[in-house]
C-alpha atoms as a PDB file:
ATOM      1  CA  MET A   1       6.278  70.329 -51.969  1.00  0.00           C
ATOM      2  CA  LEU A   2       5.834  66.722 -50.799  1.00  0.00           C
ATOM      3  CA  THR A   3       9.172  66.808 -48.958  1.00  0.00           C
ATOM      4  CA  GLN A   4       8.252  70.076 -47.262  1.00  0.00           C
ATOM      5  CA  HIS A   5       4.845  68.672 -46.290  1.00  0.00           C
ATOM      6  CA  CYS A   6       6.457  65.576 -44.737  1.00  0.00           C
ATOM      7  CA  PHE A   7       8.921  67.742 -42.832  1.00  0.00           C
ATOM      8  CA  MET A   8       6.179  69.975 -41.456  1.00  0.00           C
ATOM      9  CA  ALA A   9       4.085  66.934 -40.470  1.00  0.00           C
ATOM     10  CA  SER A  10       7.068  65.401 -38.698  1.00  0.00           C
ATOM     11  CA  LEU A  11       7.772  68.668 -36.874  1.00  0.00           C
ATOM     12  CA  ALA A  12       4.145  68.979 -35.787  1.00  0.00           C
ATOM     13  CA  MET A  13       4.221  65.424 -34.425  1.00  0.00           C
ATOM     14  CA  ARG A  14       7.395  66.134 -32.425  1.00  0.00           C
ATOM     15  CA  ILE A  15       5.842  69.237 -30.903  1.00  0.00           C
ATOM     16  CA  THR A  16       2.677  67.302 -30.032  1.00  0.00           C
ATOM     17  CA  ASN A  17       4.649  64.447 -28.448  1.00  0.00           C
ATOM     18  CA  SER A  18       6.799  66.879 -26.470  1.00  0.00           C
ATOM     19  CA  SER A  19       3.666  68.613 -25.226  1.00  0.00           C
ATOM     20  CA  THR A  20       2.355  65.233 -24.083  1.00  0.00           C
ATOM     21  CA  ASP A  21       5.512  64.644 -22.031  1.00  0.00           C
ATOM     22  CA  GLU A  22       5.387  68.107 -20.487  1.00  0.00           C
ATOM     23  CA  SER A  23       1.710  67.671 -19.607  1.00  0.00           C
ATOM     24  CA  ALA A  24       2.470  64.326 -17.946  1.00  0.00           C
ATOM     25  CA  LEU A  25       5.229  65.855 -15.821  1.00  0.00           C
ATOM     26  CA  LEU A  26       3.032  68.796 -14.834  1.00  0.00           C
ATOM     27  CA  ALA A  27       0.278  66.343 -13.840  1.00  0.00           C
ATOM     28  CA  LEU A  28       2.800  64.621 -11.572  1.00  0.00           C
ATOM     29  CA  LYS A  29       3.809  67.957 -10.079  1.00  0.00           C
ATOM     30  CA  ALA A  30       0.143  68.774  -9.404  1.00  0.00           C
ATOM     31  CA  SER A  31      -0.318  65.444  -7.589  1.00  0.00           C
ATOM     32  CA  LEU A  32       2.527  66.203  -5.162  1.00  0.00           C
ATOM     33  CA  ASN A  33       2.243  67.997  -1.834  1.00  0.00           C
ATOM     34  CA  LEU A  34       4.931  70.572  -2.534  1.00  0.00           C
ATOM     35  CA  ASN A  35       5.958  73.515  -0.429  1.00  0.00           C
ATOM     36  CA  PRO A  36       6.441  76.730  -2.425  1.00  0.00           C
ATOM     37  CA  ASP A  37      10.161  76.639  -1.691  1.00  0.00           C
ATOM     38  CA  HIS A  38      10.665  73.013  -2.794  1.00  0.00           C
ATOM     39  CA  VAL A  39      13.072  72.735  -5.701  1.00  0.00           C
ATOM     40  CA  LEU A  40      10.424  71.177  -7.968  1.00  0.00           C
ATOM     41  CA  SER A  41       7.984  74.008  -7.235  1.00  0.00           C
ATOM     42  CA  ILE A  42      10.535  76.428  -8.583  1.00  0.00           C
ATOM     43  CA  ASN A  43      12.320  74.413 -11.257  1.00  0.00           C
ATOM     44  CA  TRP A  44       9.453  72.553 -12.935  1.00  0.00           C
ATOM     45  CA  SER A  45       8.094  75.508 -14.836  1.00  0.00           C
ATOM     46  CA  SER A  46       6.808  75.904 -18.389  1.00  0.00           C
ATOM     47  CA  SER A  47       8.994  78.961 -18.739  1.00  0.00           C
ATOM     48  CA  PHE A  48      11.798  76.712 -19.973  1.00  0.00           C
ATOM     49  CA  SER A  49      12.196  73.265 -21.531  1.00  0.00           C
ATOM     50  CA  PHE A  50      11.111  70.286 -19.413  1.00  0.00           C
ATOM     51  CA  CYS A  51      14.248  68.506 -20.631  1.00  0.00           C
ATOM     52  CA  ASN A  52      16.176  70.846 -18.319  1.00  0.00           C
ATOM     53  CA  TRP A  53      14.004  70.165 -15.288  1.00  0.00           C
ATOM     54  CA  ILE A  54      15.627  68.557 -12.255  1.00  0.00           C
ATOM     55  CA  GLY A  55      15.321  64.773 -12.360  1.00  0.00           C
ATOM     56  CA  VAL A  56      14.414  64.681 -16.061  1.00  0.00           C
ATOM     57  CA  THR A  57      16.677  63.294 -18.780  1.00  0.00           C
ATOM     58  CA  CYS A  58      15.607  63.470 -22.431  1.00  0.00           C
ATOM     59  CA  GLY A  59      16.869  61.682 -25.504  1.00  0.00           C
ATOM     60  CA  ILE A  60      19.346  63.616 -27.616  1.00  0.00           C
ATOM     61  CA  HIS A  61      17.494  63.340 -30.923  1.00  0.00           C
ATOM     62  CA  HIS A  62      13.786  63.041 -30.193  1.00  0.00           C
ATOM     63  CA  ARG A  63      13.745  65.210 -27.017  1.00  0.00           C
ATOM     64  CA  ARG A  64      11.386  62.839 -25.213  1.00  0.00           C
ATOM     65  CA  VAL A  65      11.697  61.916 -21.544  1.00  0.00           C
ATOM     66  CA  ARG A  66      13.930  58.867 -21.143  1.00  0.00           C
ATOM     67  CA  VAL A  67      14.708  58.960 -17.411  1.00  0.00           C
ATOM     68  CA  LEU A  68      12.705  60.339 -14.506  1.00  0.00           C
ATOM     69  CA  ASN A  69      14.722  60.138 -11.280  1.00  0.00           C
ATOM     70  CA  LEU A  70      13.120  61.836  -8.276  1.00  0.00           C
ATOM     71  CA  SER A  71      14.685  59.643  -5.595  1.00  0.00           C
ATOM     72  CA  ASP A  72      15.492  61.053  -2.136  1.00  0.00           C
ATOM     73  CA  MET A  73      13.659  64.329  -2.739  1.00  0.00           C
ATOM     74  CA  GLY A  74      11.295  64.319   0.240  1.00  0.00           C
ATOM     75  CA  LEU A  75       8.233  64.041  -1.993  1.00  0.00           C
ATOM     76  CA  SER A  76       4.752  62.983  -0.933  1.00  0.00           C
ATOM     77  CA  GLY A  77       1.679  62.459  -3.056  1.00  0.00           C
ATOM     78  CA  THR A  78       0.392  60.012  -5.652  1.00  0.00           C
ATOM     79  CA  VAL A  79       1.352  58.901  -9.143  1.00  0.00           C
ATOM     80  CA  PRO A  80      -1.121  60.254 -11.742  1.00  0.00           C
ATOM     81  CA  PRO A  81      -2.299  58.155 -14.704  1.00  0.00           C
ATOM     82  CA  GLN A  82      -0.779  60.700 -17.116  1.00  0.00           C
ATOM     83  CA  LEU A  83       2.653  59.280 -16.288  1.00  0.00           C
ATOM     84  CA  GLY A  84       1.699  56.416 -18.586  1.00  0.00           C
ATOM     85  CA  ASN A  85       1.975  58.878 -21.499  1.00  0.00           C
ATOM     86  CA  LEU A  86       5.783  59.064 -21.180  1.00  0.00           C
ATOM     87  CA  SER A  87       6.085  56.512 -23.957  1.00  0.00           C
ATOM     88  CA  PHE A  88       9.886  56.788 -24.324  1.00  0.00           C
ATOM     89  CA  LEU A  89      10.581  56.278 -20.603  1.00  0.00           C
ATOM     90  CA  VAL A  90      13.203  53.619 -19.838  1.00  0.00           C
ATOM     91  CA  GLU A  91      13.852  54.400 -16.161  1.00  0.00           C
ATOM     92  CA  LEU A  92      11.530  55.563 -13.377  1.00  0.00           C
ATOM     93  CA  ASP A  93      13.089  55.996  -9.927  1.00  0.00           C
ATOM     94  CA  LEU A  94      10.952  57.326  -7.075  1.00  0.00           C
ATOM     95  CA  HIS A  95      12.606  55.485  -4.203  1.00  0.00           C
ATOM     96  CA  ASN A  96      12.983  56.864  -0.685  1.00  0.00           C
ATOM     97  CA  ASN A  97      10.097  59.339  -0.721  1.00  0.00           C
ATOM     98  CA  SER A  98       6.603  59.307   0.787  1.00  0.00           C
ATOM     99  CA  PHE A  99       4.465  58.418  -2.216  1.00  0.00           C
ATOM    100  CA  HIS A 100       1.262  56.569  -1.368  1.00  0.00           C
ATOM    101  CA  GLY A 101      -1.828  55.075  -2.966  1.00  0.00           C
ATOM    102  CA  GLN A 102      -2.151  52.651  -5.839  1.00  0.00           C
ATOM    103  CA  LEU A 103      -0.170  52.716  -9.047  1.00  0.00           C
ATOM    104  CA  PRO A 104      -2.326  53.605 -12.073  1.00  0.00           C
ATOM    105  CA  TRP A 105      -2.840  50.834 -14.624  1.00  0.00           C
ATOM    106  CA  ASP A 106      -1.726  53.364 -17.235  1.00  0.00           C
ATOM    107  CA  LEU A 107       1.902  52.593 -16.340  1.00  0.00           C
ATOM    108  CA  LEU A 108       1.471  49.276 -18.145  1.00  0.00           C
ATOM    109  CA  ARG A 109       1.675  51.283 -21.381  1.00  0.00           C
ATOM    110  CA  LEU A 110       5.356  52.062 -20.744  1.00  0.00           C
ATOM    111  CA  HIS A 111       6.660  49.266 -22.962  1.00  0.00           C
ATOM    112  CA  ARG A 112      10.203  50.671 -23.098  1.00  0.00           C
ATOM    113  CA  LEU A 113      10.594  50.695 -19.310  1.00  0.00           C
ATOM    114  CA  LYS A 114      13.697  48.815 -18.134  1.00  0.00           C
ATOM    115  CA  ARG A 115      14.167  50.018 -14.559  1.00  0.00           C
ATOM    116  CA  LEU A 116      11.461  50.736 -11.981  1.00  0.00           C
ATOM    117  CA  ASN A 117      12.436  51.596  -8.407  1.00  0.00           C
ATOM    118  CA  LEU A 118       9.593  52.439  -6.018  1.00  0.00           C
ATOM    119  CA  SER A 119      11.327  51.271  -2.829  1.00  0.00           C
ATOM    120  CA  TYR A 120      10.833  52.909   0.562  1.00  0.00           C
ATOM    121  CA  ASN A 121       7.518  54.624  -0.074  1.00  0.00           C
ATOM    122  CA  GLY A 122       3.932  53.942   0.979  1.00  0.00           C
ATOM    123  CA  PHE A 123       2.520  52.477  -2.229  1.00  0.00           C
ATOM    124  CA  SER A 124      -0.370  50.051  -1.816  1.00  0.00           C
ATOM    125  CA  GLY A 125      -2.717  47.964  -3.938  1.00  0.00           C
ATOM    126  CA  GLU A 126      -2.257  44.671  -5.723  1.00  0.00           C
ATOM    127  CA  ILE A 127       0.592  43.877  -8.074  1.00  0.00           C
ATOM    128  CA  PRO A 128      -1.083  44.113 -11.517  1.00  0.00           C
ATOM    129  CA  ASN A 129      -1.576  40.850 -13.395  1.00  0.00           C
ATOM    130  CA  GLY A 130      -0.478  42.631 -16.560  1.00  0.00           C
ATOM    131  CA  ILE A 131       3.033  43.328 -15.301  1.00  0.00           C
ATOM    132  CA  GLY A 132       4.274  40.692 -17.719  1.00  0.00           C
ATOM    133  CA  ARG A 133       3.483  43.044 -20.612  1.00  0.00           C
ATOM    134  CA  LEU A 134       6.525  45.126 -19.690  1.00  0.00           C
ATOM    135  CA  SER A 135       8.936  42.592 -21.132  1.00  0.00           C
ATOM    136  CA  MET A 136      11.884  45.012 -21.222  1.00  0.00           C
ATOM    137  CA  PHE A 137      12.174  45.127 -17.417  1.00  0.00           C
ATOM    138  CA  GLN A 138      15.703  44.520 -16.118  1.00  0.00           C
ATOM    139  CA  HIS A 139      15.403  45.867 -12.563  1.00  0.00           C
ATOM    140  CA  LEU A 140      12.174  45.905 -10.563  1.00  0.00           C
ATOM    141  CA  SER A 141      12.208  47.045  -6.935  1.00  0.00           C
ATOM    142  CA  PHE A 142       9.140  47.553  -4.719  1.00  0.00           C
ATOM    143  CA  ARG A 143      10.986  47.062  -1.393  1.00  0.00           C
ATOM    144  CA  ASN A 144       9.377  48.477   1.768  1.00  0.00           C
ATOM    145  CA  ASN A 145       5.865  49.371   0.637  1.00  0.00           C
ATOM    146  CA  THR A 146       2.473  47.798   1.335  1.00  0.00           C
ATOM    147  CA  PHE A 147       1.821  46.086  -1.998  1.00  0.00           C
ATOM    148  CA  SER A 148      -0.568  43.167  -1.640  1.00  0.00           C
ATOM    149  CA  GLY A 149      -2.103  40.466  -3.794  1.00  0.00           C
ATOM    150  CA  SER A 150      -0.238  37.542  -5.292  1.00  0.00           C
ATOM    151  CA  ILE A 151       2.724  37.179  -7.612  1.00  0.00           C
ATOM    152  CA  PRO A 152       1.154  36.921 -11.089  1.00  0.00           C
ATOM    153  CA  PRO A 153       2.268  33.984 -13.284  1.00  0.00           C
ATOM    154  CA  SER A 154       2.758  36.506 -16.110  1.00  0.00           C
ATOM    155  CA  ILE A 155       6.003  37.444 -14.384  1.00  0.00           C
ATOM    156  CA  SER A 156       7.541  34.681 -16.480  1.00  0.00           C
ATOM    157  CA  ASN A 157       7.353  37.045 -19.482  1.00  0.00           C
ATOM    158  CA  LEU A 158      10.058  39.273 -17.951  1.00  0.00           C
ATOM    159  CA  SER A 159      12.746  37.252 -19.703  1.00  0.00           C
ATOM    160  CA  VAL A 160      15.558  39.816 -19.350  1.00  0.00           C
ATOM    161  CA  LEU A 161      14.901  40.630 -15.678  1.00  0.00           C
ATOM    162  CA  ARG A 162      18.079  40.778 -13.550  1.00  0.00           C
ATOM    163  CA  THR A 163      16.768  42.061 -10.192  1.00  0.00           C
ATOM    164  CA  LEU A 164      13.433  41.422  -8.478  1.00  0.00           C
ATOM    165  CA  ASP A 165      13.274  42.975  -5.004  1.00  0.00           C
ATOM    166  CA  TRP A 166       9.863  42.889  -3.320  1.00  0.00           C
ATOM    167  CA  ASN A 167      11.099  42.555   0.261  1.00  0.00           C
ATOM    168  CA  VAL A 168       8.879  43.901   3.066  1.00  0.00           C
ATOM    169  CA  ASN A 169       5.389  44.115   1.587  1.00  0.00           C
ATOM    170  CA  LEU A 170       2.068  42.312   2.100  1.00  0.00           C
ATOM    171  CA  ILE A 171       2.240  39.889  -0.822  1.00  0.00           C
ATOM    172  CA  THR A 172       0.181  36.737  -0.320  1.00  0.00           C
ATOM    173  CA  GLY A 173      -0.369  33.399  -2.021  1.00  0.00           C
ATOM    174  CA  SER A 174       2.294  31.042  -3.280  1.00  0.00           C
ATOM    175  CA  ILE A 175       5.373  31.569  -5.419  1.00  0.00           C
ATOM    176  CA  PRO A 176       4.279  30.572  -8.946  1.00  0.00           C
ATOM    177  CA  PRO A 177       6.450  27.902 -10.574  1.00  0.00           C
ATOM    178  CA  GLU A 178       6.657  30.165 -13.637  1.00  0.00           C
ATOM    179  CA  ILE A 179       9.219  32.243 -11.746  1.00  0.00           C
ATOM    180  CA  GLY A 180      11.762  29.576 -12.660  1.00  0.00           C
ATOM    181  CA  GLN A 181      11.601  30.763 -16.268  1.00  0.00           C
ATOM    182  CA  LEU A 182      13.472  33.965 -15.343  1.00  0.00           C
ATOM    183  CA  CYS A 183      16.739  32.524 -16.607  1.00  0.00           C
ATOM    184  CA  ARG A 184      18.672  35.823 -16.390  1.00  0.00           C
ATOM    185  CA  LEU A 185      17.568  36.738 -12.869  1.00  0.00           C
ATOM    186  CA  LYS A 186      20.510  37.340 -10.524  1.00  0.00           C
ATOM    187  CA  ILE A 187      18.754  38.733  -7.434  1.00  0.00           C
ATOM    188  CA  LEU A 188      15.445  37.454  -6.042  1.00  0.00           C
ATOM    189  CA  ARG A 189      14.282  39.059  -2.806  1.00  0.00           C
ATOM    190  CA  ILE A 190      10.710  38.461  -1.571  1.00  0.00           C
ATOM    191  CA  ALA A 191      11.354  38.181   2.172  1.00  0.00           C
ATOM    192  CA  TYR A 192       9.094  39.658   4.868  1.00  0.00           C
ATOM    193  CA  ASN A 193       5.815  39.124   3.069  1.00  0.00           C
ATOM    194  CA  LYS A 194       2.846  36.809   3.661  1.00  0.00           C
ATOM    195  CA  LEU A 195       3.697  34.123   1.151  1.00  0.00           C
ATOM    196  CA  SER A 196       2.748  30.524   1.848  1.00  0.00           C
ATOM    197  CA  GLY A 197       2.989  27.078   0.323  1.00  0.00           C
ATOM    198  CA  ALA A 198       5.901  25.159  -1.075  1.00  0.00           C
ATOM    199  CA  ILE A 199       8.895  26.818  -2.662  1.00  0.00           C
ATOM    200  CA  PRO A 200       8.725  25.725  -6.320  1.00  0.00           C
ATOM    201  CA  SER A 201      11.499  23.396  -7.393  1.00  0.00           C
ATOM    202  CA  THR A 202      11.871  25.473 -10.578  1.00  0.00           C
ATOM    203  CA  ILE A 203      13.889  28.061  -8.601  1.00  0.00           C
ATOM    204  CA  SER A 204      16.823  25.650  -8.581  1.00  0.00           C
ATOM    205  CA  ASN A 205      16.807  25.776 -12.412  1.00  0.00           C
ATOM    206  CA  MET A 206      17.546  29.515 -12.506  1.00  0.00           C
ATOM    207  CA  SER A 207      21.099  29.318 -13.807  1.00  0.00           C
ATOM    208  CA  SER A 208      22.005  33.001 -13.249  1.00  0.00           C
ATOM    209  CA  LEU A 209      20.632  33.336  -9.703  1.00  0.00           C
ATOM    210  CA  GLU A 210      23.218  34.653  -7.214  1.00  0.00           C
ATOM    211  CA  ILE A 211      21.143  36.057  -4.325  1.00  0.00           C
ATOM    212  CA  LEU A 212      17.975  34.458  -2.949  1.00  0.00           C
ATOM    213  CA  SER A 213      16.076  35.925   0.023  1.00  0.00           C
ATOM    214  CA  LEU A 214      12.841  34.262   1.157  1.00  0.00           C
ATOM    215  CA  PRO A 215      12.709  34.358   5.015  1.00  0.00           C
ATOM    216  CA  GLU A 216       9.865  35.655   7.181  1.00  0.00           C
ATOM    217  CA  ASN A 217       7.152  34.040   5.087  1.00  0.00           C
ATOM    218  CA  SER A 218       5.211  30.820   5.650  1.00  0.00           C
ATOM    219  CA  LEU A 219       7.010  28.867   2.967  1.00  0.00           C
ATOM    220  CA  SER A 220       8.101  25.266   3.005  1.00  0.00           C
ATOM    221  CA  GLY A 221      10.160  23.005   0.818  1.00  0.00           C
ATOM    222  CA  MET A 222      13.436  23.454  -0.979  1.00  0.00           C
ATOM    223  CA  TYR A 223      14.897  26.619   0.563  1.00  0.00           C
ATOM    224  CA  LEU A 224      17.919  24.951   2.215  1.00  0.00           C
ATOM    225  CA  GLN A 225      18.563  22.817  -0.861  1.00  0.00           C
ATOM    226  CA  THR A 226      18.369  25.875  -3.090  1.00  0.00           C
ATOM    227  CA  LYS A 227      20.795  27.762  -0.838  1.00  0.00           C
ATOM    228  CA  ASP A 228      23.218  24.839  -1.186  1.00  0.00           C
ATOM    229  CA  ILE A 229      22.945  25.039  -4.968  1.00  0.00           C
ATOM    230  CA  LEU A 230      23.678  28.769  -4.908  1.00  0.00           C
ATOM    231  CA  GLN A 231      26.639  28.243  -2.586  1.00  0.00           C
ATOM    232  CA  ARG A 232      28.146  25.622  -4.882  1.00  0.00           C
ATOM    233  CA  LYS A 233      27.756  27.995  -7.824  1.00  0.00           C
ATOM    234  CA  ARG A 234      29.668  30.730  -6.001  1.00  0.00           C
ATOM    235  CA  ASN A 235      32.481  28.322  -5.214  1.00  0.00           C
END
């Protein structure tokens, strides 16, 4: 009886968790400005499993959403806070659409997230100070949006980050010296922003760095020296 009870409890939890994922996806659909003939209007329907919806990839065993890739789909709208309930999400790709508005703080609950690509949209608002909580990040791209605010020192917590691309935004302030702690970072692009101050010398300590892009800011300091270091590494 105890074994049967445990099995039924486990099954009920799976159903509840799956319902949470479906509700989150439907909340996203409701926040989009979709034409009736758009593929998501037709395909994202409760009449069949959300794991078979276009752009959605679920895990084999737990049937939770692992990947949400809606890139290049001509979408416009906002990101609802319910997206933070996709607790098994490891990749979110919304690049090359027309999303706008601020990102909900609820996304900071996605502790499994490894890849986030929001490039070429119209997102705005400040980069959240709590971004360092998402310590599993490997690729983080906000290119071509209107994100503002400063680079939070908590970025140093992203110890496995490989790519940071924040080119073409409205980011202000200085580059925090803590960025030099990203020892696995290979690509750092923060050009075409409103950064100012001295380039921290800690950048030259980033042993894995291969690409560095900082122009079209109001920075001063070690940029040419750092480029020389990178060139010597390539050779």
